Protein backbone atom coordinates (compact mmCIF):
# COMPACT_ATOMS: atom_id res chain seq x y z
CA MET A 1 3.58 -8.13 5.45
CA SER A 2 0.94 -5.88 3.86
CA LEU A 3 0.95 -2.10 4.03
CA LYS A 4 -2.17 -2.10 6.24
CA VAL A 5 -0.57 -4.41 8.81
CA ARG A 6 2.67 -2.41 8.79
CA ARG A 7 0.78 0.85 9.27
CA LEU A 8 -1.21 -0.61 12.16
CA LEU A 9 1.90 -1.96 13.89
CA ALA A 10 3.75 1.32 13.33
CA ALA A 11 0.79 3.22 14.80
CA LEU A 12 0.80 0.97 17.88
CA ILE A 13 4.54 1.45 18.40
CA ASP A 14 4.16 5.21 18.01
CA PHE A 15 1.15 5.27 20.35
CA TYR A 16 3.09 3.60 23.16
CA ILE A 17 6.06 5.90 22.62
CA LEU A 18 3.77 8.96 22.67
CA CYS A 19 2.12 7.76 25.89
CA PHE A 20 5.51 7.18 27.52
CA ALA A 21 6.95 10.53 26.37
CA SER A 22 3.86 12.44 27.51
CA THR A 23 3.90 10.71 30.89
CA MET A 24 7.58 11.52 31.36
CA LEU A 25 6.94 15.17 30.47
CA VAL A 26 4.12 15.33 33.03
CA ALA A 27 6.46 13.82 35.65
CA VAL A 28 9.09 16.48 34.90
CA VAL A 29 6.63 19.40 34.83
CA THR A 30 4.86 18.32 38.03
CA LEU A 31 8.13 17.42 39.77
CA GLY A 32 7.41 13.71 39.91
CA SER A 33 3.83 13.93 41.10
CA LEU A 34 1.58 12.05 38.72
CA ASP A 35 -1.61 13.05 40.54
CA ALA A 36 -4.54 13.73 38.24
CA THR A 37 -4.59 17.50 38.55
CA LEU A 38 -5.74 19.95 35.94
CA LEU A 39 -2.10 20.82 35.24
CA SER A 40 -0.98 17.22 34.75
CA ILE A 41 -3.98 16.34 32.57
CA SER A 42 -3.49 19.48 30.47
CA VAL A 43 0.25 18.88 30.02
CA TYR A 44 -0.40 15.25 29.09
CA LEU A 45 -3.09 15.99 26.50
CA ILE A 46 -1.29 18.94 24.92
CA SER A 47 2.07 17.15 24.76
CA PHE A 48 0.48 13.95 23.41
CA PHE A 49 -1.31 15.88 20.69
CA LEU A 50 1.79 17.89 19.72
CA PHE A 51 4.01 14.78 19.76
CA ALA A 52 1.43 12.99 17.58
CA ILE A 53 1.32 15.81 15.03
CA PHE A 54 5.11 16.04 14.72
CA LYS A 55 6.05 12.36 15.23
CA ASP A 56 7.05 11.99 11.58
CA SER A 57 9.79 14.59 12.13
CA VAL A 58 11.94 12.20 14.18
CA PHE A 59 13.50 10.90 10.98
CA ILE A 60 12.92 12.42 7.55
CA ASN A 61 9.16 11.82 7.13
CA GLN A 62 9.25 8.80 9.44
CA SER A 63 8.20 8.21 13.01
CA ILE A 64 10.02 5.61 15.10
CA GLY A 65 7.29 3.04 14.31
CA LYS A 66 7.49 3.79 10.60
CA LYS A 67 11.30 3.54 10.68
CA ILE A 68 11.16 0.12 12.36
CA LEU A 69 8.58 -1.17 9.85
CA HIS A 70 10.25 0.44 6.79
CA LEU A 71 7.49 2.94 6.02
CA LYS A 72 7.82 6.55 4.96
CA VAL A 73 5.43 9.44 4.35
CA TYR A 74 5.65 10.67 0.78
CA SER A 75 4.40 14.18 0.18
CA GLU A 76 3.22 15.34 -3.21
CA GLU A 77 4.87 18.70 -2.48
CA SER A 78 8.31 17.05 -2.47
CA ASP A 79 8.39 16.53 -6.27
CA GLY A 80 9.88 13.06 -5.90
CA GLN A 81 12.79 14.28 -3.80
CA VAL A 82 13.51 13.35 -0.20
CA LYS A 83 12.59 16.50 1.68
CA ARG A 84 11.14 17.08 5.11
CA MET A 85 7.44 17.75 5.11
CA LYS A 86 6.44 21.34 5.72
CA ILE A 87 5.04 22.11 9.15
CA SER A 88 1.68 22.92 7.54
CA THR A 89 1.60 19.46 5.94
CA GLN A 90 2.42 17.80 9.26
CA VAL A 91 -0.36 19.74 10.98
CA LYS A 92 -2.86 18.79 8.25
CA ARG A 93 -1.91 15.11 8.65
CA GLY A 94 -1.97 15.22 12.42
CA ILE A 95 -5.00 17.37 13.17
CA THR A 96 -7.35 14.61 12.08
CA LEU A 97 -5.97 12.26 14.75
CA ILE A 98 -8.70 13.47 17.08
CA LEU A 99 -11.03 11.43 14.85
CA VAL A 100 -9.28 8.12 15.63
CA PRO A 101 -12.23 5.80 14.83
CA LEU A 102 -12.79 7.46 11.45
CA GLU A 103 -9.07 7.45 10.71
CA LEU A 104 -8.80 3.75 11.52
CA LEU A 105 -11.80 2.88 9.38
CA LEU A 106 -10.54 4.85 6.37
CA THR A 107 -7.08 3.29 6.68
CA LEU A 108 -8.54 -0.22 6.76
CA ILE A 109 -10.77 0.47 3.75
CA ASN A 110 -8.42 2.28 1.37
CA ASP A 111 -4.91 2.55 2.92
CA LYS A 112 -5.30 6.32 3.34
CA ARG A 113 -6.15 8.25 6.47
CA LEU A 114 -8.24 11.38 6.33
CA GLY A 115 -5.05 13.26 7.28
CA ASP A 116 -3.26 11.79 4.25
CA MET A 117 -6.09 12.90 1.97
CA LEU A 118 -6.15 16.40 3.45
CA ALA A 119 -2.35 16.87 3.33
CA LYS A 120 -1.92 15.07 -0.02
CA THR A 121 0.48 12.53 1.43
CA GLU A 122 0.84 8.79 1.15
CA VAL A 123 2.54 6.23 3.35
CA ILE A 124 4.76 3.98 1.27
CA MET A 125 7.06 1.03 1.94
CA CYS A 126 10.74 1.81 1.63
């Protein structure tokens, strides 16, 4: 399976996990009421965005989707060693997720998201 296909499948797995986790957090915060109130919408969007930024912290530089599909984020700052990415690197990678169409297009064209270019990271097969 190619890197592009693996990245896409990993992103889909992570997306569904993020949706589920954010929904569960809203249910807890709103005491089980999933009505579309300003509070529930705010909690959902903020938690989804934060979970998305830090999803690669679940395992060392891997999200659950990446772990399942044997992918890992390699950071140039790690000097070839297996080290957790710095929080600043994770934020740089994740902040561009608000530009999903552009991110998807760049990934399909050259295997690198805008976030990877900005944070100087690369997703590799392991």
